[in-house]
Amino acid sequence: MSGRHPDLPGPSSERKMKFLSKNKSKTVEQNEKRLKFISAHGTLTMRSFETGEVADVEVTMKPLKNRSRSMSPLKQLKTYSFRSMPSDDSVLSEIQQELVRQSWQTIATKLELTKQIFGFFVYRRVFERLPLLRRAFRVEKYELFDSIPEKHSIYRQMLLFTNIISLAVRHVDELETEIAPVIYCYGQRHYKLAEEYFNEETVRLFCSQVVCTVADLLGADVDAACMEAWIDMMRYIGWITADDDDNNDNDDDDDDDDGD
């Protein structure tokens, strides 16, 4: 019986992975072109993808709201991207979708050895870069993130976060219809509970640290095309979340106007 975590998606059984072997033989020039694309979305610090060495991985997402607000997140992504979108209007191409699935399966296997969930590593990275958020999750008294007891409520938050990323991977071919409503509920809950801590900057930080955590956990298995796919997916998720914040602000303004 397989030891794969039941909550994490595995590779698609309908598609063959012939293109993955091609990715391994990509030239340095091809990967440099991909890194130029990645840098257009933000900044990425990483060693050569060809040697498989990874150190000091850092991604910084550019502002998510630099497109017209009249556009849907999907239309914004089409406008921003240097590549044409697939004809079926999927956020990611089929190859990108499979890269995300395969990398997530690799990560799931490695996480089984660490006895930790994906969200644990994301949150640890986030708190290192924005310590103020420790107060939002009531963990400011713990000097070391690893010392937080498992009974603390943050572990439920990290599990929920992990499940959302897992769900996004599972439905990576239908992000707009299946994931957008989930992100809306998740984002709305956070903005209402801790408005002073959660804003677009926070969303960008979480999205970027998801990408960094993916790179950390993949290690020698990291690939530029795979990182591009994860950045595309997290930018879309970030757009949805940031857009929901705008909608909540507008609703509050409307309520104020009604009260005058």
C-alpha atoms as a PDB file:
ATOM      1  CA  MET A   1       0.000   0.000   0.000  1.00  0.00           C
ATOM      2  CA  SER A   2       1.329   3.426  -0.899  1.00  0.00           C
ATOM      3  CA  GLY A   3       2.634   5.624   1.881  1.00  0.00           C
ATOM      4  CA  ARG A   4       1.648   8.834   0.102  1.00  0.00           C
ATOM      5  CA  HIS A   5      -0.085  11.392   2.266  1.00  0.00           C
ATOM      6  CA  PRO A   6      -3.835  11.079   1.483  1.00  0.00           C
ATOM      7  CA  ASP A   7      -4.322  14.841   1.547  1.00  0.00           C
ATOM      8  CA  LEU A   8      -1.698  15.612  -1.047  1.00  0.00           C
ATOM      9  CA  PRO A   9      -2.301  15.146  -4.778  1.00  0.00           C
ATOM     10  CA  GLY A  10      -0.164  12.821  -6.802  1.00  0.00           C
ATOM     11  CA  PRO A  11       0.770  12.905 -10.467  1.00  0.00           C
ATOM     12  CA  SER A  12      -1.915  12.778 -13.120  1.00  0.00           C
ATOM     13  CA  SER A  13      -2.641   9.262 -14.265  1.00  0.00           C
ATOM     14  CA  GLU A  14      -3.946  10.502 -17.606  1.00  0.00           C
ATOM     15  CA  ARG A  15      -0.814  12.206 -18.832  1.00  0.00           C
ATOM     16  CA  LYS A  16       2.583  10.776 -19.602  1.00  0.00           C
ATOM     17  CA  MET A  17       5.550  12.664 -18.302  1.00  0.00           C
ATOM     18  CA  LYS A  18       7.753  12.557 -21.360  1.00  0.00           C
ATOM     19  CA  PHE A  19       8.252  16.290 -21.225  1.00  0.00           C
ATOM     20  CA  LEU A  20       9.836  16.035 -17.770  1.00  0.00           C
ATOM     21  CA  SER A  21      12.840  14.252 -19.216  1.00  0.00           C
ATOM     22  CA  LYS A  22      13.119  17.046 -21.753  1.00  0.00           C
ATOM     23  CA  ASN A  23      13.215  19.595 -18.946  1.00  0.00           C
ATOM     24  CA  LYS A  24      16.330  17.934 -17.558  1.00  0.00           C
ATOM     25  CA  SER A  25      18.125  18.529 -20.849  1.00  0.00           C
ATOM     26  CA  LYS A  26      17.224  22.213 -21.162  1.00  0.00           C
ATOM     27  CA  THR A  27      20.152  24.390 -22.058  1.00  0.00           C
ATOM     28  CA  VAL A  28      21.543  27.161 -19.890  1.00  0.00           C
ATOM     29  CA  GLU A  29      20.244  29.678 -22.428  1.00  0.00           C
ATOM     30  CA  GLN A  30      16.684  28.370 -22.101  1.00  0.00           C
ATOM     31  CA  ASN A  31      16.798  28.568 -18.333  1.00  0.00           C
ATOM     32  CA  GLU A  32      18.209  32.088 -18.495  1.00  0.00           C
ATOM     33  CA  LYS A  33      15.200  33.102 -20.588  1.00  0.00           C
ATOM     34  CA  ARG A  34      12.898  31.593 -17.976  1.00  0.00           C
ATOM     35  CA  LEU A  35      14.714  33.431 -15.205  1.00  0.00           C
ATOM     36  CA  LYS A  36      14.159  36.689 -17.114  1.00  0.00           C
ATOM     37  CA  PHE A  37      10.433  35.893 -17.119  1.00  0.00           C
ATOM     38  CA  ILE A  38      10.513  35.149 -13.399  1.00  0.00           C
ATOM     39  CA  SER A  39      12.328  38.407 -12.661  1.00  0.00           C
ATOM     40  CA  ALA A  40       9.534  40.257 -14.459  1.00  0.00           C
ATOM     41  CA  HIS A  41       7.116  39.029 -11.778  1.00  0.00           C
ATOM     42  CA  GLY A  42       9.418  39.879  -8.909  1.00  0.00           C
ATOM     43  CA  THR A  43      12.946  39.062  -7.828  1.00  0.00           C
ATOM     44  CA  LEU A  44      14.407  35.605  -7.481  1.00  0.00           C
ATOM     45  CA  THR A  45      17.770  34.811  -5.931  1.00  0.00           C
ATOM     46  CA  MET A  46      18.944  31.280  -6.647  1.00  0.00           C
ATOM     47  CA  ARG A  47      21.995  29.377  -7.780  1.00  0.00           C
ATOM     48  CA  SER A  48      22.246  27.624 -11.113  1.00  0.00           C
ATOM     49  CA  PHE A  49      19.310  25.383 -11.967  1.00  0.00           C
ATOM     50  CA  GLU A  50      21.654  23.325 -14.133  1.00  0.00           C
ATOM     51  CA  THR A  51      23.888  22.207 -11.264  1.00  0.00           C
ATOM     52  CA  GLY A  52      20.940  21.615  -8.980  1.00  0.00           C
ATOM     53  CA  GLU A  53      22.510  23.699  -6.218  1.00  0.00           C
ATOM     54  CA  VAL A  54      20.099  25.930  -4.346  1.00  0.00           C
ATOM     55  CA  ALA A  55      20.961  28.499  -1.709  1.00  0.00           C
ATOM     56  CA  ASP A  56      19.579  31.789  -0.445  1.00  0.00           C
ATOM     57  CA  VAL A  57      16.336  31.345  -2.359  1.00  0.00           C
ATOM     58  CA  GLU A  58      14.307  34.516  -2.212  1.00  0.00           C
ATOM     59  CA  VAL A  59      11.287  35.630  -4.223  1.00  0.00           C
ATOM     60  CA  THR A  60       9.661  39.029  -3.929  1.00  0.00           C
ATOM     61  CA  MET A  61       6.348  39.428  -5.688  1.00  0.00           C
ATOM     62  CA  LYS A  62       5.754  42.709  -7.470  1.00  0.00           C
ATOM     63  CA  PRO A  63       2.548  44.643  -6.623  1.00  0.00           C
ATOM     64  CA  LEU A  64      -0.560  42.645  -7.440  1.00  0.00           C
ATOM     65  CA  LYS A  65      -2.739  45.684  -8.077  1.00  0.00           C
ATOM     66  CA  ASN A  66      -0.751  47.286 -10.886  1.00  0.00           C
ATOM     67  CA  ARG A  67      -3.403  46.273 -13.413  1.00  0.00           C
ATOM     68  CA  SER A  68      -6.741  47.919 -14.043  1.00  0.00           C
ATOM     69  CA  ARG A  69      -9.230  46.989 -11.336  1.00  0.00           C
ATOM     70  CA  SER A  70     -11.889  46.595 -14.015  1.00  0.00           C
ATOM     71  CA  MET A  71     -10.124  43.433 -15.155  1.00  0.00           C
ATOM     72  CA  SER A  72     -10.722  40.027 -13.638  1.00  0.00           C
ATOM     73  CA  PRO A  73      -7.622  38.298 -12.170  1.00  0.00           C
ATOM     74  CA  LEU A  74      -7.508  36.017 -15.208  1.00  0.00           C
ATOM     75  CA  LYS A  75      -7.590  38.967 -17.634  1.00  0.00           C
ATOM     76  CA  GLN A  76      -4.951  40.734 -15.565  1.00  0.00           C
ATOM     77  CA  LEU A  77      -2.724  37.686 -15.807  1.00  0.00           C
ATOM     78  CA  LYS A  78      -3.184  37.604 -19.584  1.00  0.00           C
ATOM     79  CA  THR A  79      -2.220  41.262 -19.819  1.00  0.00           C
ATOM     80  CA  TYR A  80       0.817  40.900 -17.575  1.00  0.00           C
ATOM     81  CA  SER A  81       2.262  37.692 -18.963  1.00  0.00           C
ATOM     82  CA  PHE A  82       4.878  37.750 -21.725  1.00  0.00           C
ATOM     83  CA  ARG A  83       3.434  34.520 -23.092  1.00  0.00           C
ATOM     84  CA  SER A  84       0.103  33.896 -24.735  1.00  0.00           C
ATOM     85  CA  MET A  85      -2.356  32.021 -22.553  1.00  0.00           C
ATOM     86  CA  PRO A  86      -3.684  28.586 -23.555  1.00  0.00           C
ATOM     87  CA  SER A  87      -6.744  28.595 -25.780  1.00  0.00           C
ATOM     88  CA  ASP A  88      -8.895  27.062 -23.034  1.00  0.00           C
ATOM     89  CA  ASP A  89      -8.168  30.101 -20.819  1.00  0.00           C
ATOM     90  CA  SER A  90      -6.509  28.027 -18.092  1.00  0.00           C
ATOM     91  CA  VAL A  91      -4.287  30.076 -15.825  1.00  0.00           C
ATOM     92  CA  LEU A  92      -1.417  27.636 -16.411  1.00  0.00           C
ATOM     93  CA  SER A  93      -0.526  25.649 -19.493  1.00  0.00           C
ATOM     94  CA  GLU A  94      -0.897  21.863 -19.366  1.00  0.00           C
ATOM     95  CA  ILE A  95       2.853  21.441 -18.992  1.00  0.00           C
ATOM     96  CA  GLN A  96       2.917  23.947 -16.141  1.00  0.00           C
ATOM     97  CA  GLN A  97       0.018  22.169 -14.466  1.00  0.00           C
ATOM     98  CA  GLU A  98       1.870  18.867 -14.578  1.00  0.00           C
ATOM     99  CA  LEU A  99       5.071  20.460 -13.301  1.00  0.00           C
ATOM    100  CA  VAL A 100       3.163  21.796 -10.300  1.00  0.00           C
ATOM    101  CA  ARG A 101       1.578  18.401  -9.639  1.00  0.00           C
ATOM    102  CA  GLN A 102       4.837  16.495  -9.966  1.00  0.00           C
ATOM    103  CA  SER A 103       6.794  18.913  -7.786  1.00  0.00           C
ATOM    104  CA  TRP A 104       4.075  18.795  -5.131  1.00  0.00           C
ATOM    105  CA  GLN A 105       4.272  15.017  -5.092  1.00  0.00           C
ATOM    106  CA  THR A 106       8.048  15.246  -4.628  1.00  0.00           C
ATOM    107  CA  ILE A 107       7.517  17.699  -1.779  1.00  0.00           C
ATOM    108  CA  ALA A 108       4.890  15.440  -0.187  1.00  0.00           C
ATOM    109  CA  THR A 109       7.343  12.550  -0.180  1.00  0.00           C
ATOM    110  CA  LYS A 110      10.038  14.668   1.461  1.00  0.00           C
ATOM    111  CA  LEU A 111       7.613  16.060   4.044  1.00  0.00           C
ATOM    112  CA  GLU A 112       6.752  12.546   5.160  1.00  0.00           C
ATOM    113  CA  LEU A 113      10.360  12.252   6.328  1.00  0.00           C
ATOM    114  CA  THR A 114      10.333  15.567   8.204  1.00  0.00           C
ATOM    115  CA  LYS A 115       7.039  14.892  10.003  1.00  0.00           C
ATOM    116  CA  GLN A 116       6.048  18.495   9.289  1.00  0.00           C
ATOM    117  CA  ILE A 117       3.429  20.028   7.031  1.00  0.00           C
ATOM    118  CA  PHE A 118       4.126  22.424   4.165  1.00  0.00           C
ATOM    119  CA  GLY A 119       2.521  25.366   5.956  1.00  0.00           C
ATOM    120  CA  PHE A 120       4.992  25.062   8.835  1.00  0.00           C
ATOM    121  CA  PHE A 121       7.910  25.975   6.567  1.00  0.00           C
ATOM    122  CA  VAL A 122       5.964  28.757   4.837  1.00  0.00           C
ATOM    123  CA  TYR A 123       4.925  30.392   8.118  1.00  0.00           C
ATOM    124  CA  ARG A 124       8.428  30.105   9.544  1.00  0.00           C
ATOM    125  CA  ARG A 125       9.773  31.947   6.507  1.00  0.00           C
ATOM    126  CA  VAL A 126       7.035  34.577   6.729  1.00  0.00           C
ATOM    127  CA  PHE A 127       7.702  35.308  10.407  1.00  0.00           C
ATOM    128  CA  GLU A 128      11.433  35.606   9.762  1.00  0.00           C
ATOM    129  CA  ARG A 129      10.729  38.324   7.202  1.00  0.00           C
ATOM    130  CA  LEU A 130       7.853  40.060   8.978  1.00  0.00           C
ATOM    131  CA  PRO A 131       8.097  39.464  12.764  1.00  0.00           C
ATOM    132  CA  LEU A 132       5.131  41.791  13.342  1.00  0.00           C
ATOM    133  CA  LEU A 133       2.846  39.013  12.119  1.00  0.00           C
ATOM    134  CA  ARG A 134       3.752  36.973  15.193  1.00  0.00           C
ATOM    135  CA  ARG A 135       1.290  39.118  17.132  1.00  0.00           C
ATOM    136  CA  ALA A 136      -1.497  38.400  14.660  1.00  0.00           C
ATOM    137  CA  PHE A 137      -1.094  34.677  15.317  1.00  0.00           C
ATOM    138  CA  ARG A 138      -0.356  35.098  19.051  1.00  0.00           C
ATOM    139  CA  VAL A 139       3.073  33.510  18.945  1.00  0.00           C
ATOM    140  CA  GLU A 140       5.177  36.560  19.812  1.00  0.00           C
ATOM    141  CA  LYS A 141       6.296  35.049  23.130  1.00  0.00           C
ATOM    142  CA  TYR A 142       8.049  32.141  21.395  1.00  0.00           C
ATOM    143  CA  GLU A 143      11.589  33.103  20.478  1.00  0.00           C
ATOM    144  CA  LEU A 144      12.035  30.088  18.209  1.00  0.00           C
ATOM    145  CA  PHE A 145       9.306  29.106  15.785  1.00  0.00           C
ATOM    146  CA  ASP A 146      10.122  25.439  16.320  1.00  0.00           C
ATOM    147  CA  SER A 147       9.360  25.830  20.031  1.00  0.00           C
ATOM    148  CA  ILE A 148       5.672  26.625  19.488  1.00  0.00           C
ATOM    149  CA  PRO A 149       3.656  23.739  20.991  1.00  0.00           C
ATOM    150  CA  GLU A 150       1.617  21.693  18.555  1.00  0.00           C
ATOM    151  CA  LYS A 151      -1.552  22.382  20.537  1.00  0.00           C
ATOM    152  CA  HIS A 152      -1.275  26.086  19.660  1.00  0.00           C
ATOM    153  CA  SER A 153      -3.969  27.377  17.290  1.00  0.00           C
ATOM    154  CA  ILE A 154      -1.351  28.369  14.715  1.00  0.00           C
ATOM    155  CA  TYR A 155      -0.959  24.709  13.830  1.00  0.00           C
ATOM    156  CA  ARG A 156      -4.595  24.654  12.723  1.00  0.00           C
ATOM    157  CA  GLN A 157      -3.879  27.732  10.623  1.00  0.00           C
ATOM    158  CA  MET A 158      -0.834  26.104   9.060  1.00  0.00           C
ATOM    159  CA  LEU A 159      -2.806  22.944   8.319  1.00  0.00           C
ATOM    160  CA  LEU A 160      -5.599  24.961   6.699  1.00  0.00           C
ATOM    161  CA  PHE A 161      -3.036  26.861   4.637  1.00  0.00           C
ATOM    162  CA  THR A 162      -1.434  23.579   3.561  1.00  0.00           C
ATOM    163  CA  ASN A 163      -4.811  22.159   2.577  1.00  0.00           C
ATOM    164  CA  ILE A 164      -5.586  25.215   0.452  1.00  0.00           C
ATOM    165  CA  ILE A 165      -2.302  24.897  -1.441  1.00  0.00           C
ATOM    166  CA  SER A 166      -2.968  21.172  -1.799  1.00  0.00           C
ATOM    167  CA  LEU A 167      -6.439  21.932  -3.153  1.00  0.00           C
ATOM    168  CA  ALA A 168      -4.983  24.448  -5.601  1.00  0.00           C
ATOM    169  CA  VAL A 169      -2.559  21.818  -6.871  1.00  0.00           C
ATOM    170  CA  ARG A 170      -5.318  19.237  -7.159  1.00  0.00           C
ATOM    171  CA  HIS A 171      -7.441  21.668  -9.194  1.00  0.00           C
ATOM    172  CA  VAL A 172      -4.593  23.473 -10.915  1.00  0.00           C
ATOM    173  CA  ASP A 173      -6.383  23.039 -14.255  1.00  0.00           C
ATOM    174  CA  GLU A 174      -9.467  24.895 -12.997  1.00  0.00           C
ATOM    175  CA  LEU A 175      -8.174  27.533 -10.595  1.00  0.00           C
ATOM    176  CA  GLU A 176     -10.708  30.178 -11.577  1.00  0.00           C
ATOM    177  CA  THR A 177     -13.797  28.036 -10.972  1.00  0.00           C
ATOM    178  CA  GLU A 178     -12.701  25.770  -8.112  1.00  0.00           C
ATOM    179  CA  ILE A 179     -10.111  27.729  -6.141  1.00  0.00           C
ATOM    180  CA  ALA A 180     -11.246  31.352  -6.403  1.00  0.00           C
ATOM    181  CA  PRO A 181     -14.323  30.817  -4.149  1.00  0.00           C
ATOM    182  CA  VAL A 182     -12.190  29.047  -1.524  1.00  0.00           C
ATOM    183  CA  ILE A 183      -9.589  31.823  -1.552  1.00  0.00           C
ATOM    184  CA  TYR A 184     -12.365  34.387  -1.237  1.00  0.00           C
ATOM    185  CA  CYS A 185     -13.676  32.800   1.977  1.00  0.00           C
ATOM    186  CA  TYR A 186     -10.172  32.285   3.371  1.00  0.00           C
ATOM    187  CA  GLY A 187      -9.036  35.831   2.607  1.00  0.00           C
ATOM    188  CA  GLN A 188     -12.238  37.427   3.861  1.00  0.00           C
ATOM    189  CA  ARG A 189     -11.890  35.611   7.187  1.00  0.00           C
ATOM    190  CA  HIS A 190      -8.368  36.942   7.716  1.00  0.00           C
ATOM    191  CA  TYR A 191      -9.092  40.513   6.688  1.00  0.00           C
ATOM    192  CA  LYS A 192     -12.052  40.745   9.042  1.00  0.00           C
ATOM    193  CA  LEU A 193     -10.197  39.245  12.020  1.00  0.00           C
ATOM    194  CA  ALA A 194      -6.910  41.140  11.748  1.00  0.00           C
ATOM    195  CA  GLU A 195      -7.232  44.050   9.344  1.00  0.00           C
ATOM    196  CA  GLU A 196      -4.194  45.850  10.732  1.00  0.00           C
ATOM    197  CA  TYR A 197      -1.905  42.950   9.811  1.00  0.00           C
ATOM    198  CA  PHE A 198      -3.308  41.672   6.522  1.00  0.00           C
ATOM    199  CA  ASN A 199      -3.024  43.739   3.365  1.00  0.00           C
ATOM    200  CA  GLU A 200      -1.613  43.394  -0.133  1.00  0.00           C
ATOM    201  CA  GLU A 201       1.947  43.433   1.176  1.00  0.00           C
ATOM    202  CA  THR A 202       1.141  40.516   3.463  1.00  0.00           C
ATOM    203  CA  VAL A 203      -0.516  38.609   0.624  1.00  0.00           C
ATOM    204  CA  ARG A 204       2.539  39.129  -1.575  1.00  0.00           C
ATOM    205  CA  LEU A 205       4.784  37.963   1.256  1.00  0.00           C
ATOM    206  CA  PHE A 206       2.848  34.732   1.777  1.00  0.00           C
ATOM    207  CA  CYS A 207       2.710  34.043  -1.971  1.00  0.00           C
ATOM    208  CA  SER A 208       6.426  34.627  -2.402  1.00  0.00           C
ATOM    209  CA  GLN A 209       7.309  32.446   0.581  1.00  0.00           C
ATOM    210  CA  VAL A 210       5.223  29.604  -0.840  1.00  0.00           C
ATOM    211  CA  VAL A 211       7.426  29.733  -3.943  1.00  0.00           C
ATOM    212  CA  CYS A 212      10.576  29.923  -1.810  1.00  0.00           C
ATOM    213  CA  THR A 213       9.444  26.983   0.317  1.00  0.00           C
ATOM    214  CA  VAL A 214       8.786  24.938  -2.814  1.00  0.00           C
ATOM    215  CA  ALA A 215      12.344  25.671  -3.961  1.00  0.00           C
ATOM    216  CA  ASP A 216      13.743  24.870  -0.509  1.00  0.00           C
ATOM    217  CA  LEU A 217      12.006  21.507  -0.324  1.00  0.00           C
ATOM    218  CA  LEU A 218      12.719  20.503  -3.908  1.00  0.00           C
ATOM    219  CA  GLY A 219      16.426  21.155  -3.418  1.00  0.00           C
ATOM    220  CA  ALA A 220      18.362  19.479  -6.221  1.00  0.00           C
ATOM    221  CA  ASP A 221      15.069  18.669  -7.964  1.00  0.00           C
ATOM    222  CA  VAL A 222      14.289  22.352  -8.549  1.00  0.00           C
ATOM    223  CA  ASP A 223      13.789  23.468 -12.140  1.00  0.00           C
ATOM    224  CA  ALA A 224      13.339  26.928 -13.647  1.00  0.00           C
ATOM    225  CA  ALA A 225      10.227  25.913 -15.590  1.00  0.00           C
ATOM    226  CA  CYS A 226       8.722  24.489 -12.416  1.00  0.00           C
ATOM    227  CA  MET A 227       9.448  27.683 -10.480  1.00  0.00           C
ATOM    228  CA  GLU A 228       7.847  29.726 -13.247  1.00  0.00           C
ATOM    229  CA  ALA A 229       4.701  27.605 -12.961  1.00  0.00           C
ATOM    230  CA  TRP A 230       4.521  28.059  -9.182  1.00  0.00           C
ATOM    231  CA  ILE A 231       5.033  31.813  -9.504  1.00  0.00           C
ATOM    232  CA  ASP A 232       2.218  31.996 -12.062  1.00  0.00           C
ATOM    233  CA  MET A 233      -0.113  30.052  -9.785  1.00  0.00           C
ATOM    234  CA  MET A 234       0.731  32.051  -6.665  1.00  0.00           C
ATOM    235  CA  ARG A 235       0.397  35.371  -8.481  1.00  0.00           C
ATOM    236  CA  TYR A 236      -3.096  34.332  -9.525  1.00  0.00           C
ATOM    237  CA  ILE A 237      -3.984  33.297  -5.981  1.00  0.00           C
ATOM    238  CA  GLY A 238      -2.513  36.567  -4.729  1.00  0.00           C
ATOM    239  CA  TRP A 239      -4.617  38.553  -7.204  1.00  0.00           C
ATOM    240  CA  ILE A 240      -7.768  36.842  -5.966  1.00  0.00           C
ATOM    241  CA  THR A 241      -6.948  37.508  -2.320  1.00  0.00           C
ATOM    242  CA  ALA A 242      -5.897  41.130  -2.854  1.00  0.00           C
ATOM    243  CA  ASP A 243      -8.960  41.761  -5.014  1.00  0.00           C
ATOM    244  CA  ASP A 244     -11.182  40.448  -2.218  1.00  0.00           C
ATOM    245  CA  ASP A 245      -9.580  42.964   0.138  1.00  0.00           C
ATOM    246  CA  ASP A 246     -10.511  45.750  -2.271  1.00  0.00           C
ATOM    247  CA  ASN A 247     -14.081  44.484  -2.410  1.00  0.00           C
ATOM    248  CA  ASN A 248     -14.304  44.392   1.387  1.00  0.00           C
ATOM    249  CA  ASP A 249     -13.000  47.970   1.604  1.00  0.00           C
ATOM    250  CA  ASN A 250     -15.529  49.114  -0.991  1.00  0.00           C
ATOM    251  CA  ASP A 251     -18.352  47.402   0.905  1.00  0.00           C
ATOM    252  CA  ASP A 252     -17.306  49.199   4.095  1.00  0.00           C
ATOM    253  CA  ASP A 253     -17.290  52.533   2.239  1.00  0.00           C
ATOM    254  CA  ASP A 254     -20.777  51.848   0.912  1.00  0.00           C
ATOM    255  CA  ASP A 255     -21.994  51.089   4.444  1.00  0.00           C
ATOM    256  CA  ASP A 256     -20.544  54.394   5.660  1.00  0.00           C
ATOM    257  CA  ASP A 257     -22.293  56.262   2.851  1.00  0.00           C
ATOM    258  CA  ASP A 258     -25.615  54.631   3.712  1.00  0.00           C
ATOM    259  CA  GLY A 259     -25.252  55.756   7.289  1.00  0.00           C
ATOM    260  CA  ASP A 260     -24.869  59.447   6.385  1.00  0.00           C
END
